[in-house]
Each structure stands twice: as structure tokens, then as C-alpha cells.
Amino acid sequence: MDNCPYDIIAIVGPTASGKTLLAANLASRVNGEIISADSRQVYRGMNLGTGKDYEDYVVNGKTIPYHLVDLVDAGYHYNVYEYQSDFLKVFRSLKARKVLPILCGGSGLYIEAVLRGYRLLPVPQNATLRGELEAKSNDELAKILASYKTLHNTTDLDTRKRTIRAIEIEEYYLNAPTEIEPFPQLKSAIFGVRYNRATEMERIHQRLLQRLGNGMVDEVRGLMESGLSFDDMAYYGLEYRYIAEHIMGKLTYDEMVSRLNIAIRQFAKRQMTWFRGMERRGLSITWINGELPLEDKLNKIMEAIQNGF
């Protein structure tokens, strides 16, 4: 898109809102490429469970290039600092090629970290601290984490490993040097896609059934057979946690589907809470009714971009 007044366009929204399809079609119109903002799609071999809808990147028979998907092996604990670093490499490459970056995803922390320019530090492991924390109970670990002024989100309490890592991060930040390389300030246009609650819940349900029908249980079983533990599955959350519990005999198939469906709905609600927080923190999001035909959504975005809002 010639003379675009923005450094980057972002397409955000809760799970099952059709973000990828919209972003890919927008990219085809504006000479753009997709930069994923999904904290789980960075993992190779985690396809159905993370909703990698590769077919959505195909527009008029052409695959729109996408980035920051399938970066690391499952089992690795990728973090937002690494995401920022990887994002900058891709962003600078696209700008050098005069390609418009289109950020697309639902991981609010990742989105905000690059659009608001947070500069985070790489946090090394602290073996001494970890040794001390291993002797603590889960309740004690939760109290320690809560004692810090800045808390990570509640998923940090999902497993002992995750809670210990969160404490390690907070402790490091307390003593980190203050001279941190600034993150570039990007001029962004952010568009969000949302449906009414009833439609959103039905879309989540139907998408879950589709992914299960496509072999999502086998995907999780294969990951566990490759050596990933239940704690690893719990770390990745949602589909991986509940399907792992089913595979281990803790949940029947129907129980797994029911609980997972509820958990994904709750997750979508938390995503919207984060996006509302982004707006309160100064990032303006133009919301688009998901019920609109794809062409109408694209026209609204193109008009807004061209008019500079």
C-alpha cells in the first residue's frame, strides 16, 4: 500500500473470531505480510491445538507470507522477550522490502509488548533461587509471587514450574540494570473483530468440534509420546491440558469436550478483558462486527487506513 500513514496494521480479537482470514485478505490488498502474535503458534508440532489455520493464509490461490509461526520445538518455553526480538527482525526486514507488516493474533501481552514498545529483559535462570523455591509448597509459592508489585497473569500459577519461573523473573527485574535499549515506537492502526456473546460461543464450540474431528487428540498424544510431560501440556494450557487429562484417564472424552469448551469460552472472555485494558492504556482499537461479510470488513479497514481515521 503506497504512502500508508502507519508503520503497522494490527488485526486482533478473541479466539475463533476469524482474525487470520481477515488479515490475510487485507495483506493481499496492501502488499502486506502477516506477523503472528500468538504465544502458542510459535511451537512446531502444535498445530490443531493452537489453531494454526494454514488454509486461511491462501487468498485467490496464493499463500500470503506469514512469520513467527513454528519457531521452536514443543517443550521449549518461549517468552515475550524472545518474541520482541524476533518481531523486530521480521518487522525491519519487511520495512526494508517496502512490505506492510500486519500483526495478527489474540495474545494480548505479545501485541501490547510491541505496539506500546515495552522493553523487556532476557531473564537468566537462577539456580540458587530455584533450589530455595523447590522446597516451598504451592501455596507458599503463590504467596511469594503475589508479594511482588508487578504480577504476571494468573496462568503463572498453573504449574509449579511456571510459578517458580514467574518468581525468578520478578526477582531479576528488582535488581536489573535500568539502562535498557528502547523499543521503537510504532505508529499503528488496530482493528478488532468481535461477535455478540451467543455467536462467539457457538463459533468456539463448532471450531472445537472441527479440530477434534481433524485429530487434535492424536496430536496431543503424539507430543506426550515424544517425551513431553503432563506439566508441559499444562503449561501450554487449554486444549493441551484437558486432552492430556483425557489421555491419562482422568477425564472421559465427553467430560474433556465439555470442560474444554467452557475453558475456551472463559479464555475468550479474558482476551476481551485484555483488549479493553489496552484501550484504557492508550491503544485505540476500531472494532468491527464479525457478522459483516468479509468484503465489508475489508472495505471498512481500507477506508479507515486511507482516511487516517
Protein backbone atom coordinates (compact mmCIF):
# COMPACT_ATOMS: atom_id res chain seq x y z
CA MET A 1 0.00 0.00 0.00
CA ASP A 2 1.68 3.18 -1.17
CA ASN A 3 2.01 6.03 1.30
CA CYS A 4 0.43 4.18 4.20
CA PRO A 5 0.46 6.55 7.20
CA TYR A 6 1.08 3.68 9.62
CA ASP A 7 4.13 1.58 10.43
CA ILE A 8 1.98 -1.47 11.10
CA ILE A 9 -1.63 -2.62 10.90
CA ALA A 10 -2.93 -4.94 13.63
CA ILE A 11 -5.89 -7.32 13.43
CA VAL A 12 -6.84 -8.55 16.90
CA GLY A 13 -9.70 -10.31 18.61
CA PRO A 14 -10.64 -13.31 20.73
CA THR A 15 -10.24 -16.89 19.64
CA ALA A 16 -12.45 -18.09 16.76
CA SER A 17 -13.14 -14.54 15.55
CA GLY A 18 -11.71 -15.06 12.07
CA LYS A 19 -8.67 -12.80 12.51
CA THR A 20 -6.30 -14.76 10.30
CA LEU A 21 -8.64 -14.92 7.31
CA LEU A 22 -9.28 -11.19 7.53
CA ALA A 23 -5.59 -10.33 7.96
CA ALA A 24 -4.56 -12.50 5.01
CA ASN A 25 -7.14 -10.93 2.73
CA LEU A 26 -6.06 -7.48 3.86
CA ALA A 27 -2.44 -8.39 3.15
CA SER A 28 -3.36 -9.41 -0.38
CA ARG A 29 -4.76 -5.94 -0.98
CA VAL A 30 -1.97 -3.85 0.50
CA ASN A 31 1.23 -5.73 -0.35
CA GLY A 32 1.44 -6.95 3.21
CA GLU A 33 2.73 -9.94 5.11
CA ILE A 34 1.49 -11.39 8.39
CA ILE A 35 3.40 -11.27 11.67
CA SER A 36 1.71 -13.68 14.06
CA ALA A 37 1.01 -12.52 17.61
CA ASP A 38 0.09 -15.87 19.11
CA SER A 39 2.08 -17.14 22.07
CA ARG A 40 1.46 -20.82 21.24
CA GLN A 41 1.71 -20.86 17.46
CA VAL A 42 5.46 -20.37 17.79
CA TYR A 43 5.72 -24.10 18.64
CA ARG A 44 6.34 -26.68 15.95
CA GLY A 45 4.12 -29.76 16.08
CA MET A 46 1.38 -27.91 17.94
CA ASN A 47 -0.95 -27.20 15.06
CA LEU A 48 -4.55 -28.15 15.74
CA GLY A 49 -4.36 -27.31 19.42
CA THR A 50 -3.10 -23.79 18.73
CA GLY A 51 -5.46 -23.16 15.82
CA LYS A 52 -2.93 -22.80 13.03
CA ASP A 53 -5.43 -22.40 10.22
CA TYR A 54 -2.92 -22.55 7.40
CA GLU A 55 -5.68 -22.57 4.79
CA ASP A 56 -6.70 -19.06 5.88
CA TYR A 57 -3.41 -17.71 4.52
CA VAL A 58 -4.39 -18.76 0.98
CA VAL A 59 -6.07 -15.92 -0.91
CA ASN A 60 -7.06 -16.34 -4.55
CA GLY A 61 -4.79 -19.37 -4.82
CA LYS A 62 -1.77 -17.56 -3.40
CA THR A 63 -0.31 -18.14 0.07
CA ILE A 64 0.24 -14.90 1.94
CA PRO A 65 3.66 -14.99 3.66
CA TYR A 66 3.46 -15.25 7.44
CA HIS A 67 6.09 -15.02 10.18
CA LEU A 68 6.71 -16.07 13.81
CA VAL A 69 4.89 -19.38 13.43
CA ASP A 70 6.70 -22.70 14.03
CA LEU A 71 9.80 -21.09 15.53
CA VAL A 72 10.74 -23.56 18.28
CA ASP A 73 10.10 -27.17 19.26
CA ALA A 74 7.30 -28.08 21.64
CA GLY A 75 8.70 -28.37 25.14
CA TYR A 76 10.67 -25.15 24.91
CA HIS A 77 9.38 -22.23 26.97
CA TYR A 78 9.30 -19.29 24.58
CA ASN A 79 8.78 -15.88 26.18
CA VAL A 80 7.69 -12.36 25.39
CA TYR A 81 11.27 -11.03 25.36
CA GLU A 82 12.18 -13.51 22.63
CA TYR A 83 9.02 -12.53 20.80
CA GLN A 84 10.01 -8.87 20.82
CA SER A 85 13.43 -9.69 19.47
CA ASP A 86 12.04 -11.97 16.74
CA PHE A 87 9.34 -9.44 15.91
CA LEU A 88 11.89 -6.67 15.35
CA LYS A 89 13.93 -8.81 12.97
CA VAL A 90 10.86 -9.54 10.85
CA PHE A 91 9.49 -6.02 11.08
CA ARG A 92 12.75 -4.44 9.91
CA SER A 93 13.06 -6.96 7.08
CA LEU A 94 9.54 -6.20 5.84
CA LYS A 95 10.07 -2.45 6.01
CA ALA A 96 13.35 -2.80 4.09
CA ARG A 97 11.42 -4.62 1.37
CA LYS A 98 8.66 -1.98 1.46
CA VAL A 99 6.13 -4.56 2.62
CA LEU A 100 3.41 -3.51 5.08
CA PRO A 101 3.57 -5.55 8.31
CA ILE A 102 0.19 -6.83 9.50
CA LEU A 103 0.21 -8.03 13.09
CA CYS A 104 -2.42 -10.69 13.67
CA GLY A 105 -3.30 -12.59 16.83
CA GLY A 106 -5.01 -12.78 20.17
CA SER A 107 -2.15 -12.87 22.67
CA GLY A 108 -2.66 -9.51 24.29
CA LEU A 109 0.68 -9.38 26.09
CA TYR A 110 2.61 -10.04 22.87
CA ILE A 111 0.55 -7.49 20.94
CA GLU A 112 0.91 -4.80 23.57
CA ALA A 113 4.60 -5.51 24.09
CA VAL A 114 5.37 -4.48 20.51
CA LEU A 115 2.70 -1.85 19.89
CA ARG A 116 3.38 0.03 23.14
CA GLY A 117 7.09 -0.52 22.92
CA TYR A 118 7.77 -2.32 26.18
CA ARG A 119 11.45 -3.11 26.53
CA LEU A 120 11.85 -6.30 28.49
CA LEU A 121 14.99 -8.02 29.67
CA PRO A 122 16.12 -11.58 28.96
CA VAL A 123 15.96 -13.33 32.33
CA PRO A 124 18.61 -15.98 33.01
CA GLN A 125 17.95 -18.95 35.27
CA ASN A 126 18.83 -18.50 38.95
CA ALA A 127 19.84 -21.95 40.21
CA THR A 128 20.18 -20.81 43.84
CA LEU A 129 16.75 -19.20 43.91
CA ARG A 130 15.18 -22.19 42.16
CA GLY A 131 16.66 -24.52 44.76
CA GLU A 132 15.14 -22.46 47.56
CA LEU A 133 11.75 -22.29 45.86
CA GLU A 134 11.58 -26.02 45.18
CA ALA A 135 11.32 -26.58 48.93
CA LYS A 136 8.18 -24.41 49.13
CA SER A 137 4.59 -25.63 48.88
CA ASN A 138 2.34 -24.47 46.04
CA ASP A 139 0.51 -22.11 48.40
CA GLU A 140 3.79 -20.64 49.59
CA LEU A 141 4.93 -20.10 46.02
CA ALA A 142 1.66 -18.34 45.19
CA LYS A 143 2.09 -16.03 48.19
CA ILE A 144 5.67 -15.24 47.19
CA LEU A 145 4.60 -14.38 43.64
CA ALA A 146 1.76 -12.21 44.95
CA SER A 147 4.22 -10.28 47.13
CA TYR A 148 5.79 -8.63 44.11
CA LYS A 149 4.41 -5.33 42.92
CA THR A 150 4.14 -6.41 39.30
CA LEU A 151 2.41 -9.73 38.72
CA HIS A 152 2.22 -11.87 35.62
CA ASN A 153 -1.25 -13.11 34.69
CA THR A 154 -2.92 -15.91 36.67
CA THR A 155 -1.69 -18.61 34.31
CA ASP A 156 1.62 -18.27 36.15
CA LEU A 157 0.01 -20.39 38.88
CA ASP A 158 -0.92 -23.26 36.53
CA THR A 159 2.11 -25.39 37.44
CA ARG A 160 4.94 -25.28 39.98
CA LYS A 161 7.46 -24.88 37.16
CA ARG A 162 5.61 -21.87 35.79
CA THR A 163 5.17 -20.25 39.20
CA ILE A 164 8.86 -20.66 40.04
CA ARG A 165 9.82 -19.13 36.70
CA ALA A 166 7.48 -16.19 37.30
CA ILE A 167 9.09 -15.53 40.70
CA GLU A 168 12.52 -15.81 39.10
CA ILE A 169 11.53 -13.17 36.53
CA GLU A 170 10.16 -10.79 39.15
CA GLU A 171 13.24 -11.16 41.34
CA TYR A 172 15.53 -10.47 38.39
CA TYR A 173 13.61 -7.33 37.47
CA LEU A 174 14.06 -5.98 41.00
CA ASN A 175 17.82 -5.94 40.55
CA ALA A 176 18.10 -5.44 36.78
CA PRO A 177 20.07 -2.54 35.33
CA THR A 178 17.94 0.45 34.42
CA GLU A 179 19.73 1.12 31.13
CA ILE A 180 17.53 -0.82 28.72
CA GLU A 181 17.68 -0.41 24.95
CA PRO A 182 14.48 1.39 23.89
CA PHE A 183 11.97 -0.43 21.72
CA PRO A 184 10.97 1.57 18.61
CA GLN A 185 7.70 3.46 18.89
CA LEU A 186 5.43 2.24 16.11
CA LYS A 187 2.53 4.15 14.63
CA SER A 188 -0.19 1.54 14.45
CA ALA A 189 -3.76 1.18 13.28
CA ILE A 190 -5.52 -1.51 15.30
CA PHE A 191 -8.71 -3.26 14.22
CA GLY A 192 -10.56 -5.76 16.37
CA VAL A 193 -13.09 -8.38 15.31
CA ARG A 194 -15.85 -9.41 17.69
CA TYR A 195 -19.24 -11.13 17.67
CA ASN A 196 -22.10 -10.99 20.12
CA ARG A 197 -21.60 -13.40 23.02
CA ALA A 198 -24.02 -16.07 21.81
CA THR A 199 -22.49 -16.20 18.33
CA GLU A 200 -18.99 -16.20 19.77
CA MET A 201 -19.79 -19.19 22.00
CA GLU A 202 -21.27 -21.12 19.09
CA ARG A 203 -18.26 -20.38 16.89
CA ILE A 204 -15.95 -21.59 19.66
CA HIS A 205 -17.96 -24.79 20.05
CA GLN A 206 -18.06 -25.57 16.33
CA ARG A 207 -14.37 -24.83 15.89
CA LEU A 208 -13.51 -27.11 18.79
CA LEU A 209 -15.54 -29.97 17.30
CA GLN A 210 -13.87 -29.41 13.93
CA ARG A 211 -10.36 -29.57 15.41
CA LEU A 212 -11.20 -32.66 17.42
CA GLY A 213 -12.55 -34.26 14.25
CA ASN A 214 -9.32 -33.41 12.47
CA GLY A 215 -7.21 -35.32 15.00
CA MET A 216 -6.40 -32.95 17.86
CA VAL A 217 -6.37 -35.79 20.41
CA ASP A 218 -3.84 -37.67 18.30
CA GLU A 219 -1.71 -34.52 18.10
CA VAL A 220 -1.54 -34.25 21.89
CA ARG A 221 -0.94 -38.00 22.27
CA GLY A 222 1.95 -37.75 19.82
CA LEU A 223 3.51 -34.89 21.77
CA MET A 224 3.29 -36.88 25.01
CA GLU A 225 4.72 -39.99 23.36
CA SER A 226 7.63 -37.86 22.13
CA GLY A 227 8.57 -37.16 25.75
CA LEU A 228 6.56 -34.12 26.82
CA SER A 229 5.16 -34.46 30.34
CA PHE A 230 1.75 -33.57 31.72
CA ASP A 231 3.32 -30.46 33.24
CA ASP A 232 4.45 -29.46 29.76
CA MET A 233 0.91 -29.94 28.46
CA ALA A 234 -0.50 -27.97 31.39
CA TYR A 235 1.99 -25.18 30.67
CA TYR A 236 0.56 -24.76 27.18
CA GLY A 237 -2.95 -24.79 28.62
CA LEU A 238 -6.45 -25.20 27.26
CA GLU A 239 -6.57 -27.95 24.63
CA TYR A 240 -3.26 -29.46 25.72
CA ARG A 241 -4.15 -29.60 29.41
CA TYR A 242 -7.64 -31.10 29.04
CA ILE A 243 -6.79 -33.53 26.26
CA ALA A 244 -3.76 -34.70 28.25
CA GLU A 245 -6.05 -35.36 31.22
CA HIS A 246 -8.29 -37.40 28.93
CA ILE A 247 -5.35 -39.38 27.57
CA MET A 248 -4.20 -40.11 31.12
CA GLY A 249 -7.65 -41.42 32.03
CA LYS A 250 -8.59 -38.54 34.32
CA LEU A 251 -11.45 -37.37 32.08
CA THR A 252 -13.81 -39.21 29.75
CA TYR A 253 -13.97 -37.92 26.20
CA ASP A 254 -17.30 -36.18 26.81
CA GLU A 255 -16.05 -34.64 30.06
CA MET A 256 -12.97 -33.40 28.25
CA VAL A 257 -15.02 -31.79 25.47
CA SER A 258 -17.40 -30.15 27.93
CA ARG A 259 -14.70 -28.74 30.20
CA LEU A 260 -12.56 -27.63 27.30
CA ASN A 261 -15.46 -25.85 25.67
CA ILE A 262 -16.10 -23.91 28.88
CA ALA A 263 -12.39 -23.15 29.34
CA ILE A 264 -12.05 -21.75 25.81
CA ARG A 265 -15.09 -19.54 26.36
CA GLN A 266 -13.52 -18.23 29.56
CA PHE A 267 -10.26 -17.69 27.71
CA ALA A 268 -12.05 -15.64 25.02
CA LYS A 269 -13.60 -13.52 27.76
CA ARG A 270 -10.16 -12.90 29.28
CA GLN A 271 -8.83 -11.92 25.87
CA MET A 272 -11.54 -9.27 25.53
CA THR A 273 -10.75 -8.04 29.05
CA TRP A 274 -7.12 -7.59 27.98
CA PHE A 275 -8.11 -5.71 24.82
CA ARG A 276 -10.31 -3.36 26.85
CA GLY A 277 -7.31 -2.81 29.12
CA MET A 278 -5.20 -1.98 26.08
CA GLU A 279 -7.73 0.69 25.16
CA ARG A 280 -7.60 2.14 28.68
CA ARG A 281 -3.80 2.20 28.42
CA GLY A 282 -3.93 4.34 25.30
CA LEU A 283 -4.13 1.97 22.34
CA SER A 284 -7.18 2.77 20.21
CA ILE A 285 -8.94 -0.25 18.70
CA THR A 286 -11.51 0.12 15.93
CA TRP A 287 -13.97 -2.72 16.45
CA ILE A 288 -15.61 -4.43 13.50
CA ASN A 289 -18.77 -6.52 13.70
CA GLY A 290 -17.79 -10.10 12.94
CA GLU A 291 -21.21 -10.72 11.37
CA LEU A 292 -20.33 -8.49 8.42
CA PRO A 293 -19.32 -10.16 5.14
CA LEU A 294 -15.56 -10.37 4.63
CA GLU A 295 -15.65 -7.79 1.83
CA ASP A 296 -17.42 -5.27 4.05
CA LYS A 297 -14.85 -5.76 6.82
CA LEU A 298 -12.03 -5.19 4.36
CA ASN A 299 -13.67 -2.07 2.97
CA LYS A 300 -14.09 -0.62 6.46
CA ILE A 301 -10.43 -1.21 7.22
CA MET A 302 -9.21 0.17 3.91
CA GLU A 303 -11.35 3.29 4.29
CA ALA A 304 -10.12 3.88 7.83
CA ILE A 305 -6.48 3.47 6.82
CA GLN A 306 -6.75 5.72 3.80
CA ASN A 307 -8.52 8.42 5.80
CA GLY A 308 -6.06 8.15 8.64
CA PHE A 309 -9.03 7.76 10.97
